[in-house]
Amino acid sequence: MQRQLLDKHLKHYQAGYGLPRDFYHDLDLYQAELDLIWRQGWLFAALSCEVSKPGNYVTYDVAGDSILIVRRADGSIGAMHNVCRHRGSL
């Protein structure tokens, strides 16, 4: 159903112009865009220099989901949902 909604509105897209109005105002269309486009692949979250030393971190928010990106003690970079395990809040 989401795919059909997205396709229906993309038929009205004209190259060189902005997206049709509904892409900016329709919550169902926004959710379809998130599910079918943004959550289907990698997203750029930060530059490695932003977490250059062990313990450095940045947060990245996308569609209400907060991600914590941290430089680990071994020099690798990790990412996880920014949620407290026992309280369920940021």
N, C-alpha and C. Protein backbone atom coordinates (compact mmCIF):
# COMPACT_ATOMS: atom_id res chain seq x y z
N MET A 1 0.82 -1.19 0.00
CA MET A 1 0.00 0.00 0.00
C MET A 1 0.87 1.27 0.00
N GLN A 2 1.94 1.25 0.81
CA GLN A 2 2.83 2.42 0.85
C GLN A 2 3.47 2.66 -0.51
N ARG A 3 3.88 1.56 -1.17
CA ARG A 3 4.51 1.69 -2.49
C ARG A 3 3.55 2.33 -3.48
N GLN A 4 2.29 1.93 -3.44
CA GLN A 4 1.28 2.48 -4.35
C GLN A 4 1.08 3.97 -4.08
N LEU A 5 1.04 4.35 -2.80
CA LEU A 5 0.87 5.75 -2.43
C LEU A 5 2.04 6.59 -2.95
N LEU A 6 3.24 6.10 -2.75
CA LEU A 6 4.43 6.81 -3.21
C LEU A 6 4.44 6.92 -4.74
N ASP A 7 4.17 5.81 -5.42
CA ASP A 7 4.16 5.82 -6.88
C ASP A 7 3.10 6.78 -7.43
N LYS A 8 1.93 6.79 -6.80
CA LYS A 8 0.84 7.67 -7.25
C LYS A 8 1.28 9.13 -7.23
N HIS A 9 1.99 9.54 -6.20
CA HIS A 9 2.41 10.93 -6.09
C HIS A 9 3.65 11.24 -6.94
N LEU A 10 4.50 10.25 -7.13
CA LEU A 10 5.69 10.48 -7.95
C LEU A 10 5.35 10.64 -9.43
N LYS A 11 4.18 10.17 -9.85
CA LYS A 11 3.75 10.36 -11.24
C LYS A 11 3.64 11.84 -11.59
N HIS A 12 3.42 12.67 -10.58
CA HIS A 12 3.24 14.10 -10.80
C HIS A 12 4.55 14.89 -10.71
N TYR A 13 5.65 14.19 -10.44
CA TYR A 13 6.95 14.86 -10.34
C TYR A 13 7.43 15.27 -11.73
N GLN A 14 7.98 16.49 -11.82
CA GLN A 14 8.56 16.98 -13.07
C GLN A 14 10.02 17.30 -12.80
N ALA A 15 10.90 16.76 -13.61
CA ALA A 15 12.33 17.02 -13.46
C ALA A 15 12.60 18.52 -13.48
N GLY A 16 13.45 18.97 -12.58
CA GLY A 16 13.80 20.38 -12.52
C GLY A 16 12.89 21.19 -11.61
N TYR A 17 11.88 20.55 -11.03
CA TYR A 17 10.94 21.22 -10.13
C TYR A 17 10.96 20.52 -8.77
N GLY A 18 10.40 21.16 -7.78
CA GLY A 18 10.28 20.55 -6.47
C GLY A 18 9.28 19.40 -6.50
N LEU A 19 9.26 18.65 -5.42
CA LEU A 19 8.30 17.56 -5.31
C LEU A 19 6.88 18.11 -5.22
N PRO A 20 5.89 17.32 -5.59
CA PRO A 20 4.51 17.76 -5.44
C PRO A 20 4.20 18.13 -3.98
N ARG A 21 3.28 19.03 -3.79
CA ARG A 21 2.93 19.60 -2.50
C ARG A 21 2.71 18.55 -1.41
N ASP A 22 2.04 17.44 -1.74
CA ASP A 22 1.72 16.43 -0.74
C ASP A 22 2.96 15.84 -0.06
N PHE A 23 4.10 15.86 -0.73
CA PHE A 23 5.32 15.34 -0.12
C PHE A 23 5.73 16.15 1.11
N TYR A 24 5.24 17.34 1.22
CA TYR A 24 5.58 18.21 2.34
C TYR A 24 4.48 18.29 3.40
N HIS A 25 3.30 17.73 3.11
CA HIS A 25 2.16 17.92 4.02
C HIS A 25 1.43 16.64 4.41
N ASP A 26 1.60 15.56 3.69
CA ASP A 26 0.83 14.34 3.92
C ASP A 26 1.63 13.40 4.83
N LEU A 27 1.12 13.11 6.03
CA LEU A 27 1.84 12.26 6.98
C LEU A 27 1.97 10.82 6.50
N ASP A 28 0.96 10.29 5.82
CA ASP A 28 1.06 8.93 5.29
C ASP A 28 2.13 8.84 4.22
N LEU A 29 2.22 9.85 3.39
CA LEU A 29 3.24 9.88 2.35
C LEU A 29 4.63 10.02 2.97
N TYR A 30 4.75 10.81 4.02
CA TYR A 30 6.02 10.96 4.73
C TYR A 30 6.46 9.61 5.31
N GLN A 31 5.54 8.89 5.93
CA GLN A 31 5.87 7.59 6.50
C GLN A 31 6.29 6.61 5.41
N ALA A 32 5.61 6.64 4.28
CA ALA A 32 5.97 5.77 3.15
C ALA A 32 7.38 6.10 2.67
N GLU A 33 7.69 7.37 2.57
CA GLU A 33 9.02 7.80 2.14
C GLU A 33 10.09 7.30 3.11
N LEU A 34 9.83 7.44 4.41
CA LEU A 34 10.78 6.94 5.40
C LEU A 34 10.99 5.44 5.28
N ASP A 35 9.89 4.69 5.21
CA ASP A 35 9.98 3.23 5.18
C ASP A 35 10.58 2.69 3.89
N LEU A 36 10.23 3.28 2.76
CA LEU A 36 10.62 2.73 1.47
C LEU A 36 11.92 3.30 0.91
N ILE A 37 12.34 4.46 1.41
CA ILE A 37 13.55 5.08 0.88
C ILE A 37 14.61 5.22 1.97
N TRP A 38 14.33 6.02 2.98
CA TRP A 38 15.35 6.37 3.97
C TRP A 38 15.79 5.21 4.85
N ARG A 39 14.91 4.29 5.15
CA ARG A 39 15.26 3.18 6.04
C ARG A 39 15.68 1.93 5.28
N GLN A 40 15.97 2.04 4.01
CA GLN A 40 16.34 0.89 3.20
C GLN A 40 17.84 0.82 2.89
N GLY A 41 18.60 1.78 3.35
CA GLY A 41 20.01 1.76 3.03
C GLY A 41 20.80 2.59 4.03
N TRP A 42 22.03 2.80 3.71
CA TRP A 42 22.93 3.55 4.58
C TRP A 42 22.61 5.04 4.53
N LEU A 43 22.76 5.71 5.66
CA LEU A 43 22.63 7.16 5.74
C LEU A 43 23.94 7.73 6.26
N PHE A 44 24.35 8.85 5.72
CA PHE A 44 25.54 9.52 6.24
C PHE A 44 25.19 10.14 7.59
N ALA A 45 25.97 9.82 8.62
CA ALA A 45 25.65 10.29 9.97
C ALA A 45 26.67 11.27 10.52
N ALA A 46 27.96 11.08 10.23
CA ALA A 46 28.99 11.95 10.79
C ALA A 46 30.32 11.68 10.08
N LEU A 47 31.21 12.63 10.21
CA LEU A 47 32.58 12.45 9.73
C LEU A 47 33.39 11.74 10.81
N SER A 48 34.34 10.92 10.43
CA SER A 48 35.14 10.21 11.44
C SER A 48 35.93 11.16 12.32
N CYS A 49 36.28 12.35 11.80
CA CYS A 49 37.02 13.31 12.61
C CYS A 49 36.16 13.88 13.75
N GLU A 50 34.84 13.75 13.64
CA GLU A 50 33.97 14.21 14.72
C GLU A 50 34.05 13.31 15.94
N VAL A 51 34.53 12.10 15.75
CA VAL A 51 34.74 11.16 16.86
C VAL A 51 36.19 10.67 16.78
N SER A 52 37.11 11.60 16.83
CA SER A 52 38.51 11.29 16.56
C SER A 52 39.22 10.56 17.70
N LYS A 53 38.76 10.73 18.93
CA LYS A 53 39.44 10.12 20.09
C LYS A 53 38.49 9.15 20.80
N PRO A 54 39.02 8.09 21.39
CA PRO A 54 38.17 7.17 22.15
C PRO A 54 37.31 7.93 23.17
N GLY A 55 36.04 7.60 23.19
CA GLY A 55 35.11 8.26 24.09
C GLY A 55 34.35 9.41 23.44
N ASN A 56 34.88 9.94 22.31
CA ASN A 56 34.13 10.99 21.59
C ASN A 56 32.86 10.38 21.00
N TYR A 57 31.81 11.18 20.95
CA TYR A 57 30.56 10.69 20.39
C TYR A 57 29.78 11.83 19.76
N VAL A 58 28.88 11.48 18.88
CA VAL A 58 27.90 12.42 18.32
C VAL A 58 26.57 11.69 18.29
N THR A 59 25.49 12.46 18.30
CA THR A 59 24.18 11.86 18.12
C THR A 59 23.65 12.25 16.75
N TYR A 60 22.87 11.38 16.19
CA TYR A 60 22.29 11.58 14.86
C TYR A 60 20.82 11.22 14.97
N ASP A 61 19.96 12.14 14.59
CA ASP A 61 18.52 11.92 14.67
C ASP A 61 17.94 11.82 13.27
N VAL A 62 17.16 10.78 13.07
CA VAL A 62 16.44 10.63 11.80
C VAL A 62 15.03 10.13 12.11
N ALA A 63 14.06 10.94 11.75
CA ALA A 63 12.64 10.59 11.89
C ALA A 63 12.28 10.12 13.29
N GLY A 64 12.79 10.79 14.29
CA GLY A 64 12.44 10.45 15.66
C GLY A 64 13.29 9.37 16.28
N ASP A 65 14.20 8.78 15.53
CA ASP A 65 15.12 7.78 16.08
C ASP A 65 16.47 8.45 16.34
N SER A 66 16.95 8.34 17.56
CA SER A 66 18.24 8.93 17.92
C SER A 66 19.30 7.83 17.89
N ILE A 67 20.39 8.09 17.20
CA ILE A 67 21.50 7.14 17.08
C ILE A 67 22.73 7.76 17.75
N LEU A 68 23.44 6.98 18.52
CA LEU A 68 24.67 7.40 19.18
C LEU A 68 25.84 6.79 18.43
N ILE A 69 26.76 7.62 17.97
CA ILE A 69 27.95 7.16 17.25
C ILE A 69 29.15 7.47 18.12
N VAL A 70 29.96 6.47 18.42
CA VAL A 70 31.03 6.63 19.40
C VAL A 70 32.34 6.00 18.90
N ARG A 71 33.45 6.63 19.26
CA ARG A 71 34.77 6.04 18.99
C ARG A 71 35.11 5.16 20.18
N ARG A 72 35.30 3.88 19.92
CA ARG A 72 35.59 2.92 20.99
C ARG A 72 37.06 2.99 21.41
N ALA A 73 37.36 2.37 22.55
CA ALA A 73 38.72 2.37 23.09
C ALA A 73 39.71 1.71 22.12
N ASP A 74 39.25 0.73 21.33
CA ASP A 74 40.15 0.06 20.38
C ASP A 74 40.31 0.83 19.07
N GLY A 75 39.67 2.02 18.97
CA GLY A 75 39.80 2.86 17.78
C GLY A 75 38.69 2.66 16.76
N SER A 76 37.89 1.63 16.90
CA SER A 76 36.80 1.41 15.96
C SER A 76 35.64 2.36 16.28
N ILE A 77 34.74 2.48 15.33
CA ILE A 77 33.57 3.33 15.52
C ILE A 77 32.35 2.43 15.61
N GLY A 78 31.49 2.72 16.58
CA GLY A 78 30.27 1.95 16.74
C GLY A 78 29.06 2.86 16.74
N ALA A 79 27.92 2.28 16.49
CA ALA A 79 26.67 3.04 16.52
C ALA A 79 25.59 2.19 17.16
N MET A 80 24.72 2.84 17.90
CA MET A 80 23.63 2.13 18.57
C MET A 80 22.47 3.09 18.78
N HIS A 81 21.29 2.53 19.01
CA HIS A 81 20.14 3.37 19.34
C HIS A 81 20.44 4.08 20.64
N ASN A 82 20.17 5.36 20.68
CA ASN A 82 20.43 6.19 21.86
C ASN A 82 19.25 6.08 22.83
N VAL A 83 19.15 4.92 23.48
CA VAL A 83 18.04 4.65 24.39
C VAL A 83 18.59 4.01 25.66
N CYS A 84 18.13 4.49 26.79
CA CYS A 84 18.48 3.92 28.08
C CYS A 84 17.81 2.55 28.19
N ARG A 85 18.56 1.49 28.47
CA ARG A 85 18.00 0.15 28.50
C ARG A 85 16.93 -0.06 29.56
N HIS A 86 17.09 0.54 30.72
CA HIS A 86 16.12 0.25 31.77
C HIS A 86 15.00 1.29 31.88
N ARG A 87 15.17 2.44 31.25
CA ARG A 87 14.12 3.46 31.30
C ARG A 87 13.48 3.76 29.96
N GLY A 88 14.14 3.36 28.88
CA GLY A 88 13.57 3.55 27.54
C GLY A 88 13.52 4.99 27.07
N SER A 89 14.38 5.85 27.61
CA SER A 89 14.43 7.24 27.16
C SER A 89 15.84 7.57 26.68
N LEU A 90 16.01 8.74 26.08
CA LEU A 90 17.34 9.13 25.60
C LEU A 90 18.30 9.25 26.76
